[in-house]
N, C-alpha and C. Protein backbone atom coordinates (compact mmCIF):
# COMPACT_ATOMS: atom_id res chain seq x y z
N MET A 1 125.68 101.13 136.00
CA MET A 1 125.70 101.59 134.46
C MET A 1 124.31 101.26 134.09
N GLU A 2 124.27 100.06 134.17
CA GLU A 2 123.12 99.20 133.29
C GLU A 2 121.78 99.90 133.83
N ARG A 3 121.77 100.15 135.07
CA ARG A 3 120.57 100.67 135.79
C ARG A 3 120.25 102.23 135.30
N HIS A 4 121.30 102.93 135.24
CA HIS A 4 121.31 104.28 134.32
C HIS A 4 120.72 104.03 133.26
N PHE A 5 121.18 103.26 132.24
CA PHE A 5 120.44 102.91 130.76
C PHE A 5 119.26 102.65 130.66
N ASP A 6 118.77 101.44 131.78
CA ASP A 6 117.35 101.38 131.88
C ASP A 6 116.51 102.69 132.20
N ASP A 7 117.05 103.28 133.06
CA ASP A 7 116.66 104.68 133.42
C ASP A 7 116.28 105.95 131.96
N GLU A 8 117.34 105.56 131.39
CA GLU A 8 117.31 106.66 130.16
C GLU A 8 116.14 106.11 129.19
N LEU A 9 116.24 104.94 129.11
CA LEU A 9 115.42 104.12 128.19
C LEU A 9 113.68 104.45 128.80
N LYS A 10 113.61 104.59 130.33
CA LYS A 10 112.27 104.70 130.62
C LYS A 10 112.08 106.32 130.38
N ASP A 11 112.84 106.88 130.63
CA ASP A 11 112.74 108.27 130.13
C ASP A 11 112.13 108.53 128.49
N LEU A 12 112.79 107.86 127.83
CA LEU A 12 112.56 107.95 126.52
C LEU A 12 111.22 107.12 125.88
N ARG A 13 110.73 106.28 126.85
CA ARG A 13 109.48 105.77 126.60
C ARG A 13 108.37 106.86 127.19
N GLN A 14 108.78 107.55 128.06
CA GLN A 14 107.65 108.58 128.76
C GLN A 14 107.47 109.65 127.74
N LYS A 15 108.75 110.32 127.07
CA LYS A 15 108.46 111.05 126.05
C LYS A 15 107.76 110.64 124.89
N LEU A 16 107.80 109.51 124.41
CA LEU A 16 106.99 109.03 123.49
C LEU A 16 105.44 109.04 123.75
N LEU A 17 105.50 108.44 124.87
CA LEU A 17 103.92 108.57 125.52
C LEU A 17 103.40 110.06 125.41
N GLN A 18 104.20 110.77 125.69
CA GLN A 18 103.53 112.62 125.68
C GLN A 18 103.40 112.63 124.56
N MET A 19 103.99 112.68 123.74
CA MET A 19 104.05 112.90 122.10
C MET A 19 102.98 112.32 121.50
N ALA A 20 102.87 110.99 121.77
CA ALA A 20 101.69 110.18 121.30
C ALA A 20 100.17 110.85 121.66
N ASP A 21 100.50 111.36 123.21
CA ASP A 21 99.33 111.84 123.60
C ASP A 21 98.58 113.22 122.70
N THR A 22 99.68 113.97 122.75
CA THR A 22 99.65 115.57 121.78
C THR A 22 99.11 115.14 120.37
N ALA A 23 99.73 114.20 119.91
CA ALA A 23 99.35 113.72 118.40
C ALA A 23 97.96 113.22 118.42
N GLN A 24 97.58 112.37 119.34
CA GLN A 24 95.96 112.15 119.44
C GLN A 24 94.91 113.27 119.73
N GLU A 25 95.39 114.16 120.58
CA GLU A 25 94.73 115.35 120.67
C GLU A 25 94.64 116.11 119.46
N MET A 26 95.66 116.32 118.46
CA MET A 26 95.56 116.98 117.63
C MET A 26 94.49 116.49 116.26
N ILE A 27 94.55 114.95 116.45
CA ILE A 27 93.72 114.51 115.33
C ILE A 27 92.14 114.80 115.62
N GLY A 28 91.80 114.42 117.26
CA GLY A 28 90.86 114.77 117.67
C GLY A 28 90.09 116.36 117.33
N LEU A 29 91.23 117.31 117.57
CA LEU A 29 91.00 118.86 117.22
C LEU A 29 90.72 119.08 115.90
N ALA A 30 91.08 118.43 115.13
CA ALA A 30 91.31 118.75 113.91
C ALA A 30 89.94 118.34 113.04
N ALA A 31 89.47 116.92 113.56
CA ALA A 31 88.24 116.34 113.39
C ALA A 31 86.85 117.17 113.54
N LYS A 32 86.91 117.46 115.03
CA LYS A 32 86.03 118.30 115.39
C LYS A 32 86.05 119.62 115.12
N ALA A 33 86.87 120.23 114.20
CA ALA A 33 87.16 121.59 113.82
C ALA A 33 86.29 121.29 112.47
N LEU A 34 86.47 120.22 111.79
CA LEU A 34 85.74 119.86 110.55
C LEU A 34 84.52 119.69 110.92
N VAL A 35 83.99 118.98 111.61
CA VAL A 35 82.59 118.66 112.10
C VAL A 35 81.86 119.99 112.71
N GLU A 36 82.35 120.74 113.53
CA GLU A 36 81.82 121.65 114.01
C GLU A 36 81.97 123.25 113.40
N ARG A 37 82.69 122.82 112.38
CA ARG A 37 83.09 124.23 111.81
C ARG A 37 83.81 125.31 112.56
N LYS A 38 84.61 125.18 113.38
CA LYS A 38 85.30 126.08 114.33
C LYS A 38 86.57 126.15 113.90
N LYS A 39 86.81 127.47 113.52
CA LYS A 39 88.41 127.74 113.48
C LYS A 39 89.33 127.65 114.24
N GLU A 40 88.60 128.11 115.60
CA GLU A 40 89.65 128.12 116.70
C GLU A 40 90.18 126.76 117.20
N LEU A 41 89.46 125.77 116.83
CA LEU A 41 89.93 124.33 117.04
C LEU A 41 91.38 124.23 116.10
N THR A 42 90.94 124.63 114.81
CA THR A 42 92.42 124.69 114.06
C THR A 42 93.61 125.14 114.89
N ASP A 43 93.33 126.44 115.40
CA ASP A 43 94.08 127.25 115.74
C ASP A 43 95.15 126.48 117.01
N LYS A 44 94.22 125.67 117.65
CA LYS A 44 94.72 124.94 118.74
C LYS A 44 95.73 123.82 118.35
N VAL A 45 95.29 123.19 116.92
CA VAL A 45 96.11 121.98 116.32
C VAL A 45 97.50 122.61 116.22
N PHE A 46 97.53 123.84 115.24
CA PHE A 46 98.84 124.39 114.90
C PHE A 46 99.75 124.85 116.04
N ALA A 47 99.10 125.04 117.02
CA ALA A 47 100.06 125.63 118.47
C ALA A 47 100.55 124.29 118.88
N LEU A 48 99.92 123.31 119.03
CA LEU A 48 100.34 121.89 119.14
C LEU A 48 101.63 121.25 118.52
N GLU A 49 101.43 121.51 117.22
CA GLU A 49 102.62 121.00 116.54
C GLU A 49 104.01 121.50 116.78
N ASP A 50 104.38 122.77 117.44
CA ASP A 50 105.35 123.11 117.93
C ASP A 50 105.72 122.03 119.09
N THR A 51 104.76 121.90 119.95
CA THR A 51 105.19 121.02 121.10
C THR A 51 105.67 119.80 120.65
N VAL A 52 104.95 119.15 119.34
CA VAL A 52 105.30 117.71 118.87
C VAL A 52 106.85 117.84 118.17
N ASN A 53 107.01 118.80 117.58
CA ASN A 53 108.37 119.24 116.62
C ASN A 53 109.32 119.40 117.70
N HIS A 54 109.28 119.93 119.24
CA HIS A 54 110.28 120.08 119.90
C HIS A 54 110.45 118.92 120.56
N THR A 55 109.62 117.94 121.01
CA THR A 55 109.77 116.53 121.48
C THR A 55 110.55 115.61 120.57
N GLU A 56 110.22 115.68 119.20
CA GLU A 56 110.70 115.00 118.47
C GLU A 56 112.30 115.01 118.29
N ILE A 57 112.71 116.35 118.32
CA ILE A 57 114.17 116.95 118.09
C ILE A 57 114.69 116.28 119.53
N GLU A 58 114.27 116.41 120.66
CA GLU A 58 114.47 115.91 122.19
C GLU A 58 114.92 114.61 122.20
N ILE A 59 113.77 113.66 121.59
CA ILE A 59 114.09 112.23 121.54
C ILE A 59 115.13 111.88 120.43
N GLU A 60 115.07 112.10 119.45
CA GLU A 60 116.20 112.24 118.48
C GLU A 60 117.68 112.40 119.05
N GLU A 61 117.62 113.47 119.55
CA GLU A 61 118.99 113.68 120.35
C GLU A 61 119.61 113.02 121.19
N GLU A 62 118.50 112.51 122.13
CA GLU A 62 118.79 111.58 123.22
C GLU A 62 119.29 110.08 122.74
N VAL A 63 118.54 109.86 121.58
CA VAL A 63 118.82 108.50 120.96
C VAL A 63 120.26 108.26 120.32
N LEU A 64 120.64 109.26 119.66
CA LEU A 64 121.92 109.51 119.09
C LEU A 64 122.98 109.47 120.06
N ARG A 65 122.70 110.30 121.09
CA ARG A 65 123.86 110.33 122.22
C ARG A 65 123.95 108.90 122.79
N LEU A 66 123.09 108.20 123.11
CA LEU A 66 123.18 106.69 123.67
C LEU A 66 123.61 105.86 122.54
N PHE A 67 123.38 105.87 121.47
CA PHE A 67 124.11 105.21 120.27
C PHE A 67 125.80 105.48 120.64
N ALA A 68 126.10 106.57 120.57
CA ALA A 68 127.39 107.04 120.93
C ALA A 68 128.02 106.61 121.96
N LEU A 69 127.15 106.75 122.91
CA LEU A 69 128.04 106.44 124.48
C LEU A 69 127.78 104.95 124.77
N ARG A 70 126.89 104.47 124.55
CA ARG A 70 126.45 103.21 125.06
C ARG A 70 126.92 101.93 124.00
N GLN A 71 127.13 102.47 122.62
CA GLN A 71 127.09 101.49 121.73
C GLN A 71 126.40 100.09 122.00
N PRO A 72 124.93 100.47 121.96
CA PRO A 72 124.28 99.37 122.38
C PRO A 72 124.11 98.09 120.89
N ILE A 73 124.00 96.86 121.61
CA ILE A 73 123.91 95.71 120.58
C ILE A 73 122.88 94.93 121.00
N ALA A 74 122.36 93.87 120.14
CA ALA A 74 121.08 93.16 119.93
C ALA A 74 120.00 93.44 120.24
N GLY A 75 119.00 93.57 121.43
CA GLY A 75 118.03 93.82 121.94
C GLY A 75 118.10 95.30 122.20
N ASP A 76 118.92 95.92 122.57
CA ASP A 76 119.06 97.26 123.16
C ASP A 76 119.39 97.98 121.84
N LEU A 77 119.90 97.75 120.84
CA LEU A 77 119.97 98.31 119.45
C LEU A 77 118.73 98.24 118.90
N ARG A 78 118.14 97.19 118.63
CA ARG A 78 116.69 97.05 118.14
C ARG A 78 115.57 98.15 118.83
N LEU A 79 115.91 98.24 120.22
CA LEU A 79 115.24 99.12 120.87
C LEU A 79 115.28 100.68 120.29
N LEU A 80 116.23 100.95 120.45
CA LEU A 80 116.67 102.33 120.25
C LEU A 80 116.43 102.79 118.63
N THR A 81 116.65 101.73 117.98
CA THR A 81 116.44 102.01 116.50
C THR A 81 114.97 101.94 116.21
N ALA A 82 113.99 101.24 116.88
CA ALA A 82 112.66 101.36 117.07
C ALA A 82 112.22 102.67 117.44
N ILE A 83 112.90 102.93 118.34
CA ILE A 83 112.32 104.59 119.14
C ILE A 83 112.59 105.71 117.95
N LEU A 84 113.73 105.42 117.52
CA LEU A 84 113.96 106.60 116.22
C LEU A 84 112.83 106.69 115.43
N LYS A 85 112.46 105.24 115.09
CA LYS A 85 111.36 105.42 113.77
C LYS A 85 109.79 105.54 114.73
N ILE A 86 109.73 105.01 115.77
CA ILE A 86 108.53 105.61 116.26
C ILE A 86 108.35 107.13 116.41
N ASN A 87 109.49 107.59 116.62
CA ASN A 87 109.81 109.05 117.04
C ASN A 87 109.16 109.86 115.55
N ASN A 88 109.72 109.39 114.47
CA ASN A 88 109.22 109.87 113.25
C ASN A 88 107.95 109.95 112.68
N ASP A 89 107.59 108.57 113.07
CA ASP A 89 106.00 108.14 112.99
C ASP A 89 105.05 109.24 113.55
N LEU A 90 105.35 109.55 114.81
CA LEU A 90 104.44 110.39 115.63
C LEU A 90 104.66 111.39 115.02
N GLU A 91 105.62 111.96 114.54
CA GLU A 91 105.65 113.40 114.01
C GLU A 91 104.90 113.50 113.02
N ARG A 92 104.79 112.40 112.17
CA ARG A 92 104.06 112.33 110.79
C ARG A 92 102.56 112.32 110.93
N VAL A 93 102.19 111.77 112.14
CA VAL A 93 101.01 111.92 112.51
C VAL A 93 100.49 113.14 112.83
N ALA A 94 101.52 113.91 113.49
CA ALA A 94 101.04 115.46 114.02
C ALA A 94 100.98 116.32 112.63
N ASP A 95 101.86 116.01 111.74
CA ASP A 95 101.75 116.79 110.70
C ASP A 95 100.36 116.48 109.44
N GLN A 96 100.14 115.21 109.52
CA GLN A 96 98.64 114.97 108.88
C GLN A 96 97.41 115.72 109.88
N ALA A 97 97.84 115.58 110.86
CA ALA A 97 96.46 116.51 111.56
C ALA A 97 96.47 117.74 111.34
N VAL A 98 97.92 118.72 111.12
CA VAL A 98 97.75 119.82 110.51
C VAL A 98 97.31 120.20 109.14
N ASN A 99 97.67 119.10 108.44
CA ASN A 99 97.50 119.17 107.03
C ASN A 99 95.65 118.90 106.79
N ILE A 100 95.13 118.25 108.07
CA ILE A 100 93.52 118.31 107.76
C ILE A 100 93.15 119.59 108.35
N SER A 101 93.83 120.24 109.42
CA SER A 101 92.95 121.34 109.76
C SER A 101 93.59 122.57 108.84
N GLU A 102 94.35 122.61 108.15
CA GLU A 102 94.54 123.65 106.97
C GLU A 102 93.39 123.22 105.83
N THR A 103 93.05 122.44 105.63
CA THR A 103 91.98 121.75 104.51
C THR A 103 90.62 122.34 105.33
N VAL A 104 90.68 122.27 106.77
CA VAL A 104 89.30 122.72 107.09
C VAL A 104 89.21 124.15 106.79
N LEU A 105 90.48 124.79 107.08
CA LEU A 105 90.26 126.41 106.93
C LEU A 105 89.51 126.80 105.56
N PHE A 106 90.04 125.96 104.49
CA PHE A 106 89.44 126.22 103.17
C PHE A 106 87.86 125.80 103.15
N LEU A 107 87.43 124.68 103.70
CA LEU A 107 86.05 124.18 103.66
C LEU A 107 85.07 125.36 104.36
N LEU A 108 85.67 125.87 105.65
CA LEU A 108 85.12 126.80 106.34
C LEU A 108 84.58 127.96 105.53
N LYS A 109 85.10 128.05 104.24
CA LYS A 109 84.82 129.20 103.41
C LYS A 109 83.85 128.80 102.74
N GLU A 110 83.13 127.74 102.59
CA GLU A 110 82.25 127.15 101.89
C GLU A 110 80.95 126.67 102.70
N PRO A 111 79.65 126.59 102.11
CA PRO A 111 78.72 125.98 102.75
C PRO A 111 79.07 124.38 103.14
N PRO A 112 78.46 123.81 104.31
CA PRO A 112 78.90 121.86 104.06
C PRO A 112 78.29 121.57 102.63
N LEU A 113 79.13 120.47 102.45
CA LEU A 113 78.58 119.80 101.21
C LEU A 113 77.84 118.55 101.70
N LYS A 114 77.79 118.09 102.85
CA LYS A 114 76.90 116.90 103.07
C LYS A 114 77.23 116.66 104.51
N PRO A 115 76.26 115.80 105.24
CA PRO A 115 76.63 115.36 106.73
C PRO A 115 77.88 114.40 106.87
N LEU A 116 78.69 114.86 107.68
CA LEU A 116 79.86 113.70 107.88
C LEU A 116 79.56 112.73 108.79
N ILE A 117 79.73 111.59 108.29
CA ILE A 117 79.50 110.35 109.04
C ILE A 117 80.85 109.56 109.19
N ASP A 118 81.19 108.99 108.01
CA ASP A 118 82.57 108.16 107.83
C ASP A 118 83.79 108.83 108.56
N ILE A 119 84.00 110.25 107.75
CA ILE A 119 85.18 110.76 108.28
C ILE A 119 85.38 110.80 109.79
N PRO A 120 84.49 111.07 110.46
CA PRO A 120 84.68 111.44 111.98
C PRO A 120 84.94 109.73 112.55
N GLN A 121 84.24 108.87 112.02
CA GLN A 121 84.55 107.58 112.28
C GLN A 121 85.84 107.23 112.04
N MET A 122 86.45 107.54 110.96
CA MET A 122 87.99 107.24 110.58
C MET A 122 88.66 108.07 111.69
N ALA A 123 88.31 109.30 111.96
CA ALA A 123 89.17 109.95 112.85
C ALA A 123 89.27 109.38 114.37
N LEU A 124 88.23 108.89 115.11
CA LEU A 124 88.22 108.17 115.98
C LEU A 124 88.96 107.00 116.03
N LEU A 125 88.74 106.01 114.89
CA LEU A 125 89.45 104.77 114.95
C LEU A 125 91.06 105.06 114.52
N ALA A 126 91.58 105.98 114.00
CA ALA A 126 93.07 106.57 113.95
C ALA A 126 93.53 106.82 115.39
N GLN A 127 92.53 107.75 116.06
CA GLN A 127 93.18 108.18 117.40
C GLN A 127 93.37 106.86 117.82
N LYS A 128 92.63 105.86 118.14
CA LYS A 128 92.37 104.80 118.84
C LYS A 128 93.82 103.87 118.40
N MET A 129 93.89 103.80 117.11
CA MET A 129 95.19 103.05 116.66
C MET A 129 96.51 103.59 117.22
N VAL A 130 96.36 104.87 117.05
CA VAL A 130 98.02 105.47 117.57
C VAL A 130 98.22 105.39 119.06
N LYS A 131 96.85 105.52 119.67
CA LYS A 131 96.84 104.97 121.29
C LYS A 131 97.18 103.60 121.45
N SER A 132 96.80 102.89 120.94
CA SER A 132 97.12 101.39 121.07
C SER A 132 98.42 101.07 120.44
N SER A 133 98.96 101.67 119.52
CA SER A 133 100.17 101.32 118.87
C SER A 133 101.39 101.85 119.91
N ILE A 134 101.08 102.89 120.89
CA ILE A 134 102.10 103.31 121.71
C ILE A 134 102.00 102.67 123.07
N GLU A 135 100.79 101.97 123.25
CA GLU A 135 100.55 101.05 124.32
C GLU A 135 101.34 99.82 124.26
N ALA A 136 101.41 99.15 122.90
CA ALA A 136 101.78 98.13 122.43
C ALA A 136 103.40 98.05 122.66
N PHE A 137 104.11 99.45 122.35
CA PHE A 137 105.37 99.44 122.30
C PHE A 137 105.76 99.65 123.77
N VAL A 138 105.16 100.33 124.72
CA VAL A 138 105.49 100.45 126.08
C VAL A 138 105.28 99.25 127.00
N HIS A 139 104.24 98.37 126.41
CA HIS A 139 104.23 96.96 127.17
C HIS A 139 104.68 95.81 126.37
N GLU A 140 105.34 96.20 125.27
CA GLU A 140 105.84 95.12 124.40
C GLU A 140 104.69 94.02 124.12
N ASP A 141 103.55 94.59 123.77
CA ASP A 141 102.26 93.54 123.66
C ASP A 141 102.22 93.40 122.06
N ALA A 142 102.77 92.12 121.84
CA ALA A 142 102.70 91.79 120.39
C ALA A 142 101.01 91.67 120.00
N LYS A 143 100.58 91.07 120.64
CA LYS A 143 98.99 90.78 120.67
C LYS A 143 98.22 92.30 120.10
N LEU A 144 98.46 93.20 120.99
CA LEU A 144 97.88 94.40 120.78
C LEU A 144 98.23 94.83 119.26
N ALA A 145 99.68 94.71 118.81
CA ALA A 145 100.11 95.19 117.78
C ALA A 145 99.72 94.79 116.56
N HIS A 146 99.49 93.53 116.61
CA HIS A 146 98.66 92.80 115.57
C HIS A 146 97.17 93.10 115.36
N GLN A 147 96.49 93.31 116.37
CA GLN A 147 95.46 93.98 116.67
C GLN A 147 95.20 95.27 115.72
N VAL A 148 96.05 96.03 116.19
CA VAL A 148 96.14 97.16 115.40
C VAL A 148 96.28 97.11 113.95
N CYS A 149 97.27 96.18 113.37
CA CYS A 149 97.62 96.31 111.85
C CYS A 149 96.30 95.73 111.26
N ARG A 150 95.39 94.87 111.88
CA ARG A 150 93.93 94.51 111.63
C ARG A 150 93.05 95.55 111.23
N ASP A 151 93.20 96.42 112.41
CA ASP A 151 92.34 97.47 112.49
C ASP A 151 92.40 98.47 111.22
N ASP A 152 93.79 98.44 110.71
CA ASP A 152 94.21 99.19 109.48
C ASP A 152 93.35 99.14 108.21
N ASP A 153 92.55 97.60 108.22
CA ASP A 153 91.87 97.51 106.89
C ASP A 153 90.44 98.16 107.10
N GLU A 154 90.01 98.41 108.18
CA GLU A 154 88.97 98.93 108.26
C GLU A 154 88.88 100.57 107.82
N VAL A 155 90.12 101.17 108.51
CA VAL A 155 90.40 102.60 108.22
C VAL A 155 90.50 102.57 106.39
N ASP A 156 90.97 101.56 105.94
CA ASP A 156 91.05 101.45 104.39
C ASP A 156 89.74 101.58 103.85
N ARG A 157 88.84 100.64 104.12
CA ARG A 157 87.57 100.44 103.80
C ARG A 157 86.65 101.82 103.74
N LEU A 158 86.91 102.50 104.91
CA LEU A 158 86.11 103.91 105.19
C LEU A 158 86.56 104.73 104.15
N ASN A 159 88.04 105.04 104.01
CA ASN A 159 88.65 105.48 103.05
C ASN A 159 88.21 105.45 101.53
N ASP A 160 87.98 104.27 101.19
CA ASP A 160 87.45 104.17 99.85
C ASP A 160 86.14 104.22 99.85
N GLN A 161 85.41 104.14 101.03
CA GLN A 161 83.71 104.32 100.85
C GLN A 161 83.41 105.82 100.80
N VAL A 162 84.35 106.72 101.54
CA VAL A 162 84.33 108.26 101.27
C VAL A 162 84.71 108.60 99.89
N PHE A 163 85.61 107.96 99.22
CA PHE A 163 86.07 108.53 97.90
C PHE A 163 84.96 108.03 96.93
N ARG A 164 84.57 107.04 97.25
CA ARG A 164 83.31 106.48 95.67
C ARG A 164 81.95 107.40 96.36
N GLU A 165 81.78 107.81 97.42
CA GLU A 165 80.65 108.46 97.71
C GLU A 165 80.98 109.97 97.30
N LEU A 166 82.01 110.60 97.76
CA LEU A 166 82.31 111.85 97.01
C LEU A 166 82.38 111.86 95.59
N LEU A 167 82.86 111.07 94.78
CA LEU A 167 82.96 110.93 93.28
C LEU A 167 81.69 111.09 92.92
N THR A 168 80.51 110.36 93.58
CA THR A 168 79.18 110.59 93.16
C THR A 168 78.69 111.88 93.09
N TYR A 169 79.00 112.74 94.32
CA TYR A 169 78.76 114.17 94.43
C TYR A 169 79.26 115.06 93.36
N MET A 170 80.48 114.66 92.86
CA MET A 170 81.27 115.35 92.08
C MET A 170 80.46 115.29 90.41
N MET A 171 80.17 114.01 90.20
CA MET A 171 79.54 113.67 88.88
C MET A 171 78.30 114.25 88.76
N GLU A 172 77.88 114.72 89.86
CA GLU A 172 76.21 114.98 89.80
C GLU A 172 76.13 116.47 89.80
N ASP A 173 77.12 117.10 90.36
CA ASP A 173 77.18 118.83 90.46
C ASP A 173 78.30 119.08 90.38
N PRO A 174 78.93 119.55 89.55
CA PRO A 174 80.37 120.01 89.35
C PRO A 174 80.61 121.17 90.27
N LYS A 175 79.80 121.96 90.70
CA LYS A 175 80.12 122.84 91.62
C LYS A 175 80.46 122.45 93.20
N SER A 176 80.33 121.05 93.24
CA SER A 176 80.69 120.40 94.74
C SER A 176 82.07 119.97 94.38
N ILE A 177 82.78 120.03 93.46
CA ILE A 177 84.03 119.37 93.01
C ILE A 177 85.28 119.74 94.23
N THR A 178 85.18 121.07 94.41
CA THR A 178 86.38 121.70 95.13
C THR A 178 86.25 120.94 96.43
N ARG A 179 84.84 121.26 97.31
CA ARG A 179 84.71 120.82 98.49
C ARG A 179 84.74 119.23 98.48
N ALA A 180 84.45 118.51 97.50
CA ALA A 180 84.56 117.04 97.63
C ALA A 180 85.90 116.50 97.82
N VAL A 181 86.63 117.11 96.87
CA VAL A 181 88.20 117.22 97.02
C VAL A 181 88.81 117.24 98.18
N ASP A 182 88.43 118.47 98.92
CA ASP A 182 88.99 118.66 100.23
C ASP A 182 88.92 117.67 101.11
N LEU A 183 87.39 116.98 101.10
CA LEU A 183 87.15 116.13 102.07
C LEU A 183 87.67 114.76 101.52
N ILE A 184 88.15 114.46 100.41
CA ILE A 184 88.99 113.34 100.09
C ILE A 184 90.29 113.75 100.49
N LEU A 185 90.91 114.74 100.30
CA LEU A 185 91.99 115.02 101.25
C LEU A 185 92.09 114.62 102.66
N VAL A 186 91.08 115.10 103.26
CA VAL A 186 91.10 114.73 104.79
C VAL A 186 91.03 113.41 105.23
N SER A 187 90.15 112.75 104.23
CA SER A 187 90.11 111.08 104.53
C SER A 187 91.31 110.28 104.24
N ARG A 188 92.37 110.94 103.25
CA ARG A 188 93.46 110.42 103.01
C ARG A 188 94.49 110.43 104.11
N ASN A 189 94.34 112.24 104.61
CA ASN A 189 95.17 112.20 105.69
C ASN A 189 94.96 111.35 106.85
N LEU A 190 93.63 110.93 107.36
CA LEU A 190 93.55 110.12 108.32
C LEU A 190 93.91 108.50 108.17
N GLU A 191 93.74 108.13 106.76
CA GLU A 191 94.44 106.77 106.40
C GLU A 191 95.76 106.86 106.63
N ARG A 192 96.44 107.75 106.49
CA ARG A 192 97.90 107.89 106.48
C ARG A 192 98.33 107.74 107.87
N ILE A 193 97.27 108.41 108.86
CA ILE A 193 97.72 108.46 110.14
C ILE A 193 97.56 106.85 110.79
N ALA A 194 96.57 106.09 110.14
CA ALA A 194 96.57 104.77 110.42
C ALA A 194 97.57 104.15 110.00
N ASP A 195 97.95 104.25 108.82
CA ASP A 195 99.55 103.73 108.30
C ASP A 195 100.68 104.03 109.22
N HIS A 196 100.73 105.16 109.99
CA HIS A 196 101.87 105.50 110.56
C HIS A 196 101.55 104.63 112.06
N ALA A 197 100.50 104.39 112.43
CA ALA A 197 100.19 103.60 113.76
C ALA A 197 100.43 102.22 113.29
N THR A 198 100.41 101.65 112.19
CA THR A 198 100.39 100.54 111.96
C THR A 198 102.31 100.11 111.65
N ASN A 199 102.77 101.18 111.06
CA ASN A 199 104.46 101.14 111.18
C ASN A 199 104.68 100.90 112.55
N ILE A 200 104.02 101.73 113.76
CA ILE A 200 104.68 101.77 114.97
C ILE A 200 104.41 100.08 115.29
N CYS A 201 103.40 99.42 115.23
CA CYS A 201 103.20 98.22 115.76
C CYS A 201 104.00 97.16 114.92
N GLU A 202 104.48 97.53 113.50
CA GLU A 202 105.30 96.58 112.83
C GLU A 202 106.59 96.46 113.64
N ASP A 203 107.03 97.73 113.87
CA ASP A 203 108.25 97.56 114.85
C ASP A 203 108.16 96.81 116.11
N VAL A 204 107.08 97.11 116.84
CA VAL A 204 106.70 96.21 118.22
C VAL A 204 106.73 94.86 117.84
N ILE A 205 106.09 94.34 116.96
CA ILE A 205 106.19 93.08 116.43
C ILE A 205 107.35 92.36 116.16
N PHE A 206 108.60 93.20 115.68
CA PHE A 206 109.94 92.80 115.17
C PHE A 206 110.64 92.98 116.45
N ILE A 207 110.54 93.61 117.78
CA ILE A 207 111.08 93.85 118.84
C ILE A 207 110.61 92.64 119.55
N VAL A 208 109.37 92.55 119.92
CA VAL A 208 108.88 91.27 120.55
C VAL A 208 109.07 89.56 119.77
N GLU A 209 108.59 89.80 118.63
CA GLU A 209 108.96 88.51 118.15
C GLU A 209 110.00 88.19 117.18
N GLY A 210 110.60 88.87 116.86
CA GLY A 210 111.74 89.01 115.83
C GLY A 210 111.57 88.54 114.44
N LYS A 211 109.91 89.17 114.20
CA LYS A 211 109.36 88.78 113.09
C LYS A 211 109.12 90.21 112.13
N ASN A 212 109.57 90.36 110.94
CA ASN A 212 109.36 91.39 110.12
C ASN A 212 108.28 91.33 109.15
N ILE A 213 107.12 91.94 109.82
CA ILE A 213 105.73 91.68 108.53
C ILE A 213 105.36 93.21 107.82
N ARG A 214 106.49 93.89 107.71
CA ARG A 214 106.40 94.87 107.04
C ARG A 214 106.29 94.45 105.57
N HIS A 215 105.25 95.03 104.80
CA HIS A 215 104.54 94.86 103.46
C HIS A 215 103.97 93.60 103.40
N HIS A 216 103.70 93.03 104.46
CA HIS A 216 102.82 91.48 104.53
C HIS A 216 101.66 91.84 105.54
N ILE A 217 101.20 93.08 105.33
CA ILE A 217 99.72 93.18 106.58
C ILE A 217 98.78 92.26 105.97
N GLU A 218 98.40 91.80 104.49
CA GLU A 218 97.67 91.06 104.25
C GLU A 218 97.48 89.84 104.90
N ASP A 219 98.94 89.17 105.46
CA ASP A 219 99.05 88.12 105.87
C ASP A 219 98.56 88.38 107.31
N GLU A 220 98.29 89.68 108.16
CA GLU A 220 98.01 90.09 109.22
C GLU A 220 96.59 89.53 109.35
N ALA A 221 96.01 90.30 108.20
CA ALA A 221 94.49 89.95 108.08
C ALA A 221 93.55 88.80 108.43
N SER A 222 94.58 87.57 107.87
CA SER A 222 93.83 86.30 107.89
C SER A 222 94.38 85.53 108.68
N SER A 223 95.39 86.08 109.67
CA SER A 223 95.93 85.49 110.85
C SER A 223 95.04 85.58 112.13
């Protein structure tokens, strides 16, 4: 019976890995659509959203089934609870990629406002954080989880930098306001993706170390 439960947990981990891979792909496609101004890339993002949503439902139903049948306690209870939360975070990551793609469609109707440097950098870092957060979960690697939490500071810094630069554009040229606001929205979507990766790592740290660091990321930066 115990062996069968371990196999079920292994299957759940595998589904989370697949979901994370798809979410990462969506981030990359959305960012590429923005930089290369290609609508067909946004279409791919919208198509992949269905895959993520389907997987999210599968994982949620399986976890609830295990809660009902296995009545887990202690470590297994924490693990299944974490899987539910991570499942939700990954679905939200995909939602943010869809939001970016929808904004890209508006931006494609206008000429480019400026060369894009910080936003593509944010996208790469956000992708890396999602990938690392799932690796930390699968391997129960608290050290990697702590590193992802620290990486969130760099995403926040870039987000602030994007906002300040685009604010300057809006002040100097009112005709740029709509495009600048859209780019700020893209930046904020990427910042939220990084936040979801951080949430996953907070759950990993709780599972491995029994430590709840949620809302105390500033302590992570100094550790």
